[in-house]
Protein backbone atom coordinates (compact mmCIF):
# COMPACT_ATOMS: atom_id res chain seq x y z
CA MET A 1 0.00 0.00 0.00
CA SER A 2 1.34 3.41 -0.92
CA GLY A 3 1.21 6.55 1.19
CA GLY A 4 -1.90 7.85 -0.62
CA ILE A 5 -4.48 10.30 0.64
CA LYS A 6 -5.17 9.84 4.36
CA LYS A 7 -8.27 11.95 4.85
CA GLY A 8 -11.56 10.96 6.39
CA LYS A 9 -12.37 8.19 8.84
CA PHE A 10 -10.11 5.14 9.16
CA VAL A 11 -12.61 2.33 8.66
CA TYR A 12 -10.96 -0.41 10.73
CA LYS A 13 -10.69 -0.57 14.48
CA ASN A 14 -6.90 -1.03 14.23
CA GLN A 15 -4.15 -2.32 11.94
CA ASP A 16 -4.66 -5.91 13.11
CA SER A 17 -8.32 -5.72 12.01
CA LEU A 18 -7.23 -4.51 8.57
CA ASN A 19 -4.71 -7.36 8.29
CA LYS A 20 -7.37 -9.94 9.17
CA MET A 21 -9.77 -8.57 6.54
CA HIS A 22 -7.04 -8.60 3.88
CA ALA A 23 -6.26 -12.22 4.78
CA PHE A 24 -9.97 -13.06 4.36
CA TYR A 25 -9.92 -11.24 1.00
CA ASP A 26 -6.92 -13.29 -0.21
CA LYS A 27 -8.42 -16.58 1.01
CA THR A 28 -11.84 -16.03 -0.58
CA LEU A 29 -10.34 -14.78 -3.85
CA ALA A 30 -8.18 -17.91 -4.09
CA SER A 31 -11.23 -20.09 -3.38
CA LEU A 32 -12.97 -18.77 -6.53
CA GLY A 33 -10.41 -20.53 -8.72
CA VAL A 34 -10.35 -17.79 -11.37
CA SER A 35 -7.50 -16.15 -13.24
CA TYR A 36 -6.96 -12.48 -12.45
CA SER A 37 -4.52 -9.61 -12.41
CA GLU A 38 -4.53 -6.79 -9.87
CA ASP A 39 -3.42 -3.20 -9.84
CA TYR A 40 -3.04 -0.30 -7.41
CA PHE A 41 -3.35 3.26 -8.74
CA GLU A 42 -3.98 6.75 -7.42
CA THR A 43 -7.30 8.61 -7.74
CA SER A 44 -8.53 11.94 -6.42
CA PHE A 45 -9.78 10.12 -3.32
CA GLY A 46 -6.74 7.96 -2.63
CA GLN A 47 -5.30 4.67 -3.76
CA THR A 48 -7.63 2.23 -5.49
CA HIS A 49 -7.11 -1.54 -5.74
CA CYS A 50 -8.76 -3.23 -8.71
CA LEU A 51 -8.97 -6.72 -10.18
CA LEU A 52 -9.34 -7.79 -13.80
CA VAL A 53 -10.88 -11.26 -13.64
CA GLY A 54 -11.05 -13.82 -16.44
CA ASN A 55 -9.92 -13.82 -20.07
CA LYS A 56 -8.57 -10.37 -20.94
CA ASP A 57 -9.37 -10.93 -24.63
CA LYS A 58 -13.10 -10.87 -23.87
CA PRO A 59 -15.12 -7.64 -23.62
CA ARG A 60 -15.09 -6.07 -20.19
CA ILE A 61 -17.97 -5.56 -17.81
CA CYS A 62 -17.75 -3.71 -14.48
CA THR A 63 -19.18 -4.75 -11.15
CA ILE A 64 -18.79 -2.96 -7.80
CA HIS A 65 -19.46 -4.44 -4.38
CA GLY A 66 -22.25 -2.98 -2.25
CA GLY A 67 -22.00 -0.87 0.88
CA ASN A 68 -19.97 -2.59 3.62
CA GLY A 69 -19.44 -5.45 1.19
CA ILE A 70 -16.28 -6.99 -0.22
CA THR A 71 -15.18 -7.63 -3.80
CA THR A 72 -14.46 -11.35 -3.46
CA LEU A 73 -17.95 -12.27 -2.24
CA ASN A 74 -19.53 -9.94 -4.79
CA LEU A 75 -17.55 -11.69 -7.55
CA LYS A 76 -18.90 -15.04 -6.35
CA LEU A 77 -22.39 -13.88 -7.37
CA PHE A 78 -21.36 -13.08 -10.94
CA LEU A 79 -18.88 -15.83 -11.90
CA SER A 80 -21.18 -17.04 -14.69
CA LEU A 81 -20.44 -13.79 -16.54
CA LEU A 82 -16.86 -14.98 -17.12
CA LYS A 83 -18.14 -17.15 -19.95
CA ASP A 84 -18.66 -14.01 -22.02
CA PHE A 85 -16.79 -11.22 -20.23
CA CYS A 86 -13.66 -10.13 -18.44
CA ILE A 87 -14.84 -8.55 -15.18
CA LEU A 88 -13.37 -5.26 -13.94
CA VAL A 89 -13.79 -5.11 -10.16
CA PRO A 90 -12.60 -2.13 -8.10
CA ASP A 91 -12.55 -2.16 -4.29
CA VAL A 92 -14.51 0.86 -3.09
CA ILE A 93 -12.37 3.43 -1.26
CA GLY A 94 -13.32 3.70 2.41
CA MET A 95 -14.99 0.31 2.52
CA LEU A 96 -13.80 -3.27 2.91
CA GLY A 97 -11.04 -4.41 0.59
CA LYS A 98 -7.59 -3.22 -0.41
CA SER A 99 -8.29 0.31 -1.59
CA GLU A 100 -7.62 3.34 0.65
CA SER A 101 -8.94 2.54 4.13
CA TYR A 102 -10.09 6.09 4.84
CA ARG A 103 -13.72 7.01 4.13
CA ASN A 104 -13.53 10.20 2.09
CA ILE A 105 -15.98 9.69 -0.81
CA SER A 106 -19.42 11.17 -0.18
CA SER A 107 -22.61 9.83 -1.71
CA LYS A 108 -24.41 13.01 -0.63
CA LYS A 109 -21.86 15.12 -2.54
CA ASP A 110 -22.26 12.89 -5.60
CA GLN A 111 -18.59 11.87 -5.67
CA TYR A 112 -18.77 8.16 -6.48
CA GLY A 113 -19.30 8.97 -10.15
CA ILE A 114 -16.03 10.91 -10.22
CA TRP A 115 -14.19 7.97 -8.68
CA ILE A 116 -15.69 5.43 -11.10
CA ASN A 117 -14.79 7.71 -14.01
CA GLU A 118 -11.16 7.77 -12.84
CA VAL A 119 -11.12 3.96 -12.52
CA LEU A 120 -12.32 3.58 -16.11
CA ASN A 121 -9.79 6.16 -17.31
CA HIS A 122 -7.00 4.12 -15.71
CA TYR A 123 -8.02 1.10 -17.79
CA GLY A 124 -8.71 3.07 -20.97
CA GLU A 125 -12.38 2.08 -21.01
CA GLU A 126 -14.38 4.61 -23.02
CA LYS A 127 -17.67 2.72 -22.64
CA ILE A 128 -18.61 -0.29 -20.56
CA SER A 129 -21.57 -2.23 -19.16
CA PHE A 130 -22.26 -2.48 -15.42
CA VAL A 131 -23.71 -5.11 -13.11
CA VAL A 132 -24.34 -3.58 -9.67
CA SER A 133 -26.49 -4.21 -6.63
CA SER A 134 -27.74 -2.54 -3.47
CA TYR A 135 -25.57 0.45 -2.43
CA SER A 136 -23.36 0.20 -5.53
CA SER A 137 -26.42 0.95 -7.68
CA ALA A 138 -26.39 4.47 -6.25
CA MET A 139 -22.65 4.66 -6.98
CA PHE A 140 -23.42 3.69 -10.57
CA LEU A 141 -26.23 6.26 -10.84
CA SER A 142 -23.80 8.96 -9.75
CA PHE A 143 -21.55 7.92 -12.63
CA ALA A 144 -24.41 7.59 -15.15
CA LYS A 145 -25.69 11.04 -14.22
CA TYR A 146 -22.44 12.79 -15.16
CA TYR A 147 -21.01 10.39 -17.76
CA PRO A 148 -24.05 8.78 -19.46
CA GLN A 149 -22.17 8.39 -22.73
CA ARG A 150 -19.75 5.95 -21.07
CA VAL A 151 -22.43 3.38 -20.15
CA SER A 152 -23.17 0.65 -22.71
CA SER A 153 -25.89 -0.98 -20.60
CA ALA A 154 -26.59 -1.76 -16.95
CA LEU A 155 -28.19 -4.33 -14.68
CA LEU A 156 -29.26 -3.11 -11.22
CA LEU A 157 -30.12 -5.78 -8.61
CA VAL A 158 -32.21 -4.72 -5.59
CA PRO A 159 -30.92 -1.19 -6.20
CA SER A 160 -30.51 1.70 -3.87
CA GLY A 161 -30.54 5.25 -5.20
CA ILE A 162 -34.03 5.07 -6.74
CA ALA A 163 -36.55 4.76 -3.92
CA HIS A 164 -36.85 3.39 -0.40
CA GLY A 165 -39.53 1.72 1.62
CA SER A 166 -40.72 2.43 5.14
CA ILE A 167 -37.92 3.84 7.29
CA LEU A 168 -39.46 2.37 10.46
CA ARG A 169 -39.69 -1.07 8.91
CA MET A 170 -36.10 -0.77 7.70
CA LEU A 171 -34.91 0.19 11.17
CA GLY A 172 -36.75 -2.71 12.72
CA LYS A 173 -35.54 -5.27 10.22
CA MET A 174 -31.94 -4.15 9.76
CA VAL A 175 -30.75 -1.86 12.55
CA VAL A 176 -32.21 -3.74 15.53
CA PRO A 177 -30.35 -7.03 14.80
CA PHE A 178 -27.08 -5.11 14.54
CA ILE A 179 -27.67 -3.32 17.85
CA LYS A 180 -28.45 -6.63 19.54
CA TYR A 181 -25.24 -8.15 18.17
CA TYR A 182 -23.07 -5.22 19.28
CA SER A 183 -24.59 -5.22 22.77
CA ASN A 184 -24.34 -9.00 23.11
CA PRO A 185 -22.14 -10.76 20.49
CA SER A 186 -23.19 -14.40 20.24
CA GLU A 187 -24.06 -17.14 17.76
CA LYS A 188 -27.74 -16.28 18.16
CA THR A 189 -27.40 -12.53 17.55
CA LEU A 190 -25.03 -13.16 14.61
CA ASP A 191 -27.63 -15.54 13.14
CA ALA A 192 -30.19 -12.72 13.28
CA VAL A 193 -27.87 -10.40 11.34
CA ILE A 194 -27.19 -13.03 8.68
CA GLU A 195 -30.92 -13.75 8.41
CA THR A 196 -31.44 -10.08 7.59
CA MET A 197 -28.47 -9.52 5.29
CA GLY A 198 -28.35 -12.83 3.42
CA GLY A 199 -25.89 -15.70 3.37
CA LYS A 200 -27.79 -18.05 5.66
CA ASP A 201 -26.18 -21.51 5.95
CA ASP A 202 -23.05 -20.29 4.11
CA GLU A 203 -19.98 -20.55 6.35
CA THR A 204 -17.98 -18.09 4.24
CA TRP A 205 -20.63 -15.41 4.61
CA ARG A 206 -20.86 -16.20 8.32
CA GLU A 207 -17.11 -15.71 8.69
CA PHE A 208 -17.35 -12.45 6.77
CA PHE A 209 -20.14 -10.98 8.90
CA ASP A 210 -18.41 -12.01 12.11
CA LEU A 211 -15.15 -10.42 10.96
CA MET A 212 -16.81 -7.31 9.54
CA MET A 213 -18.81 -6.57 12.66
CA SER A 214 -15.93 -7.14 15.03
CA SER A 215 -13.24 -5.21 13.15
CA TYR A 216 -14.81 -2.64 10.81
CA LYS A 217 -16.63 0.67 11.26
CA MET A 218 -19.67 0.32 9.04
CA GLU A 219 -20.97 3.00 6.67
CA MET A 220 -24.38 3.71 8.15
CA LYS A 221 -25.40 6.71 6.05
CA PRO A 222 -27.87 5.79 3.27
CA PRO A 223 -26.81 6.52 -0.31
CA LYS A 224 -28.18 9.44 -2.26
CA GLU A 225 -31.38 8.92 -4.27
CA TYR A 226 -31.58 10.20 -7.84
CA SER A 227 -34.56 11.90 -9.45
CA LYS A 228 -35.88 11.36 -12.96
CA LYS A 229 -34.73 14.89 -13.82
CA GLU A 230 -31.16 14.19 -12.68
CA MET A 231 -30.98 11.09 -14.87
CA ALA A 232 -32.57 12.65 -17.97
CA ALA A 233 -29.39 12.36 -20.06
CA PHE A 234 -28.99 8.63 -19.35
CA LYS A 235 -30.35 6.65 -22.32
CA ALA A 236 -28.52 3.30 -22.19
CA PRO A 237 -30.43 0.00 -21.91
CA LEU A 238 -31.23 -0.68 -18.27
CA LEU A 239 -32.64 -3.72 -16.44
CA ILE A 240 -33.75 -3.38 -12.83
CA MET A 241 -34.43 -6.52 -10.79
């Protein structure tokens, strides 16, 4: 890791926590059994770590892990795409992974689009398709708002950034299990978190949630939502699931 920008909130509890998460990253990446290359490069927000996964002669598609997620488990969801694509996968700055560990990109200030644009510039990608989910859908919308001409097409899975349901229901379903875990860490309270977030009966996801919640300072602010007016210039084919 270089001495890049060190602004914002350090997202791990300490250096040992960071080391443990990087070890998990390496282990789960190896378990996927895929060919890849990796690169570190500077952006306006600090150092970014990115993977190119699969056959580099195939057309590229970009996926980005969700909020408080990690690239290796996100990749696991989209391995079938390797049949037709090489997948470009950046680790989000200020979240889990090997990019800058200081949270200095703001969804509210619409900065994720700038960061994504710089990632694509590094790889010389003028236009590319995206597969994103949850929080990273809002990151993508920030990019599509300012650089619509650079999007070939996009698939958004359970996206943020468009609309939200009942805040009270969300608090009850998502926040309460986390509070119970933090106040009383146990197998039972961890099970409740996994039940909410997904990954039930998957030991890898269980290990991830246990590690994340014990060593990482989660991003709790919701992503920005985008209006129809803001996205008026975006014309690429779009599938929302």
